[in-house]
């Protein structure tokens, strides 16, 4: 994913008068195979609920196990 960060950059007066500047940064995105998740919920009371699933990598960029 590319972000335009041109407006976040500081330019001196001289730099700002020489042509136009466009600066972009790239954030790689993880593309994974499709998957599914199943929640089995048992309750004595019928109610509307919200289930939130937080996903994170198991290992950091150095291959070390991340702890919660």
N, C-alpha and C. Protein backbone atom coordinates (compact mmCIF):
# COMPACT_ATOMS: atom_id res chain seq x y z
N UNK A 1 0.85 -1.17 0.00
CA UNK A 1 0.00 0.00 0.00
C UNK A 1 0.89 1.22 0.00
N UNK A 2 0.64 2.16 -0.89
CA UNK A 2 1.45 3.36 -1.00
C UNK A 2 0.74 4.55 -0.34
N UNK A 3 1.51 5.33 0.43
CA UNK A 3 1.00 6.54 1.08
C UNK A 3 1.72 7.75 0.52
N UNK A 4 0.99 8.77 0.19
CA UNK A 4 1.59 10.03 -0.24
C UNK A 4 1.89 10.85 1.01
N UNK A 5 3.17 11.09 1.28
CA UNK A 5 3.59 11.83 2.48
C UNK A 5 4.19 13.19 2.12
N UNK A 6 3.91 13.66 0.93
CA UNK A 6 4.49 14.92 0.47
C UNK A 6 4.14 16.06 1.40
N UNK A 7 2.89 16.12 1.86
CA UNK A 7 2.47 17.22 2.73
C UNK A 7 3.03 17.10 4.14
N UNK A 8 3.62 15.99 4.48
CA UNK A 8 4.24 15.81 5.79
C UNK A 8 5.72 16.17 5.77
N UNK A 9 6.25 16.49 4.61
CA UNK A 9 7.67 16.81 4.47
C UNK A 9 7.89 18.32 4.61
N UNK A 10 9.05 18.68 5.13
CA UNK A 10 9.43 20.09 5.24
C UNK A 10 10.38 20.43 4.10
N UNK A 11 10.10 21.52 3.42
CA UNK A 11 10.97 22.01 2.36
C UNK A 11 11.36 23.44 2.66
N UNK A 12 12.61 23.77 2.41
CA UNK A 12 13.02 25.17 2.54
C UNK A 12 12.37 25.97 1.41
N UNK A 13 12.43 27.26 1.51
CA UNK A 13 11.84 28.10 0.47
C UNK A 13 12.47 27.80 -0.88
N UNK A 14 13.78 27.64 -0.90
CA UNK A 14 14.48 27.36 -2.16
C UNK A 14 14.02 26.03 -2.75
N UNK A 15 13.90 25.02 -1.90
CA UNK A 15 13.48 23.70 -2.39
C UNK A 15 12.04 23.73 -2.90
N UNK A 16 11.20 24.50 -2.23
CA UNK A 16 9.78 24.51 -2.61
C UNK A 16 9.52 25.25 -3.92
N UNK A 17 10.48 26.06 -4.35
CA UNK A 17 10.28 26.81 -5.60
C UNK A 17 10.87 26.09 -6.81
N UNK A 18 11.54 24.97 -6.59
CA UNK A 18 12.17 24.23 -7.69
C UNK A 18 11.31 23.02 -8.03
N UNK A 19 10.41 23.17 -9.00
CA UNK A 19 9.60 22.05 -9.45
C UNK A 19 8.65 21.54 -8.37
N UNK A 20 7.98 20.46 -8.70
CA UNK A 20 7.06 19.86 -7.74
C UNK A 20 7.70 18.61 -7.13
N UNK A 21 7.32 18.32 -5.92
CA UNK A 21 7.85 17.16 -5.20
C UNK A 21 6.69 16.24 -4.86
N UNK A 22 6.91 14.96 -5.01
CA UNK A 22 5.97 13.95 -4.56
C UNK A 22 6.76 12.85 -3.88
N UNK A 23 6.43 12.58 -2.62
CA UNK A 23 7.11 11.54 -1.86
C UNK A 23 6.08 10.51 -1.41
N UNK A 24 6.41 9.25 -1.66
CA UNK A 24 5.54 8.16 -1.27
C UNK A 24 6.32 7.17 -0.41
N UNK A 25 5.62 6.56 0.53
CA UNK A 25 6.20 5.46 1.31
C UNK A 25 5.35 4.23 1.02
N UNK A 26 5.96 3.07 1.09
CA UNK A 26 5.25 1.83 0.79
C UNK A 26 5.18 0.97 2.05
N UNK A 27 3.98 0.49 2.35
CA UNK A 27 3.75 -0.42 3.46
C UNK A 27 3.32 -1.75 2.87
N UNK A 28 4.20 -2.77 2.93
CA UNK A 28 3.81 -4.06 2.38
C UNK A 28 2.63 -4.65 3.16
N UNK A 29 1.76 -5.31 2.46
CA UNK A 29 0.60 -5.96 3.07
C UNK A 29 0.75 -7.46 2.95
N UNK A 30 0.28 -8.14 3.96
CA UNK A 30 0.33 -9.60 3.96
C UNK A 30 -0.87 -10.13 3.19
N UNK A 31 -0.60 -10.87 2.16
CA UNK A 31 -1.66 -11.54 1.40
C UNK A 31 -1.58 -13.02 1.73
N UNK A 32 -2.63 -13.55 2.27
CA UNK A 32 -2.63 -14.92 2.74
C UNK A 32 -3.73 -15.69 2.03
N UNK A 33 -3.64 -16.99 2.11
CA UNK A 33 -4.68 -17.84 1.55
C UNK A 33 -5.98 -17.59 2.32
N UNK A 34 -7.12 -17.73 1.66
CA UNK A 34 -8.40 -17.56 2.36
C UNK A 34 -8.53 -18.56 3.51
N UNK A 35 -9.19 -18.14 4.57
CA UNK A 35 -9.39 -19.01 5.72
C UNK A 35 -10.76 -18.71 6.31
N UNK A 36 -11.20 -19.58 7.19
CA UNK A 36 -12.48 -19.35 7.86
C UNK A 36 -12.31 -19.62 9.35
N UNK A 37 -13.19 -19.02 10.13
CA UNK A 37 -13.18 -19.17 11.58
C UNK A 37 -14.59 -19.54 12.01
N UNK A 38 -14.70 -20.49 12.91
CA UNK A 38 -16.00 -20.91 13.43
C UNK A 38 -16.03 -20.70 14.93
N UNK A 39 -17.08 -20.06 15.42
CA UNK A 39 -17.27 -19.87 16.85
C UNK A 39 -18.48 -20.70 17.27
N UNK A 40 -18.30 -21.57 18.26
CA UNK A 40 -19.41 -22.32 18.84
C UNK A 40 -19.70 -21.69 20.20
N UNK A 41 -20.88 -21.11 20.35
CA UNK A 41 -21.25 -20.41 21.58
C UNK A 41 -22.43 -21.12 22.20
N UNK A 42 -22.32 -21.40 23.50
CA UNK A 42 -23.42 -22.02 24.25
C UNK A 42 -23.81 -21.07 25.37
N UNK A 43 -25.10 -20.78 25.46
CA UNK A 43 -25.57 -19.87 26.49
C UNK A 43 -26.98 -20.26 26.89
N UNK A 44 -27.33 -19.95 28.14
CA UNK A 44 -28.69 -20.20 28.62
C UNK A 44 -29.63 -19.07 28.21
N UNK A 45 -29.08 -17.96 27.76
CA UNK A 45 -29.87 -16.78 27.41
C UNK A 45 -29.60 -16.40 25.96
N UNK A 46 -30.67 -16.15 25.21
CA UNK A 46 -30.50 -15.69 23.84
C UNK A 46 -30.25 -14.19 23.86
N UNK A 47 -29.19 -13.78 23.19
CA UNK A 47 -28.82 -12.36 23.21
C UNK A 47 -28.00 -12.04 21.97
N UNK A 48 -28.07 -10.78 21.53
CA UNK A 48 -27.20 -10.34 20.45
C UNK A 48 -25.82 -10.05 21.03
N UNK A 49 -24.80 -10.46 20.32
CA UNK A 49 -23.43 -10.27 20.81
C UNK A 49 -22.55 -9.76 19.67
N UNK A 50 -21.39 -9.29 20.05
CA UNK A 50 -20.35 -8.90 19.10
C UNK A 50 -19.13 -9.73 19.42
N UNK A 51 -18.58 -10.38 18.42
CA UNK A 51 -17.36 -11.16 18.59
C UNK A 51 -16.25 -10.45 17.84
N UNK A 52 -15.18 -10.16 18.54
CA UNK A 52 -14.02 -9.50 17.92
C UNK A 52 -12.86 -10.48 17.89
N UNK A 53 -12.24 -10.58 16.75
CA UNK A 53 -11.10 -11.47 16.57
C UNK A 53 -9.89 -10.61 16.25
N UNK A 54 -8.90 -10.65 17.11
CA UNK A 54 -7.67 -9.90 16.89
C UNK A 54 -6.60 -10.85 16.40
N UNK A 55 -6.02 -10.53 15.27
CA UNK A 55 -5.00 -11.39 14.69
C UNK A 55 -3.67 -10.67 14.70
N UNK A 56 -2.62 -11.43 14.96
CA UNK A 56 -1.27 -10.88 15.00
C UNK A 56 -0.30 -11.98 14.60
N UNK A 57 0.90 -11.61 14.22
CA UNK A 57 1.88 -12.64 13.87
C UNK A 57 2.31 -13.43 15.11
N UNK A 58 2.71 -14.66 14.89
CA UNK A 58 3.21 -15.50 15.98
C UNK A 58 4.66 -15.17 16.29
N UNK A 59 5.42 -14.74 15.28
CA UNK A 59 6.84 -14.44 15.44
C UNK A 59 7.12 -13.02 14.99
N UNK A 60 8.12 -12.39 15.59
CA UNK A 60 8.51 -11.04 15.17
C UNK A 60 9.41 -11.11 13.94
N UNK A 61 9.89 -9.97 13.48
CA UNK A 61 10.71 -9.91 12.28
C UNK A 61 12.03 -10.63 12.40
N UNK A 62 12.45 -10.93 13.64
CA UNK A 62 13.71 -11.65 13.87
C UNK A 62 13.48 -13.14 14.11
N UNK A 63 12.21 -13.59 14.01
CA UNK A 63 11.91 -15.00 14.21
C UNK A 63 11.69 -15.39 15.66
N UNK A 64 11.62 -14.41 16.57
CA UNK A 64 11.39 -14.71 17.99
C UNK A 64 9.89 -14.81 18.26
N UNK A 65 9.52 -15.74 19.12
CA UNK A 65 8.12 -15.95 19.48
C UNK A 65 7.60 -14.72 20.21
N UNK A 66 6.45 -14.22 19.76
CA UNK A 66 5.82 -13.08 20.43
C UNK A 66 4.91 -13.59 21.54
N UNK A 67 4.92 -12.91 22.66
CA UNK A 67 4.04 -13.30 23.77
C UNK A 67 2.93 -12.28 23.90
N UNK A 68 1.82 -12.71 24.42
CA UNK A 68 0.69 -11.79 24.62
C UNK A 68 0.81 -11.07 25.93
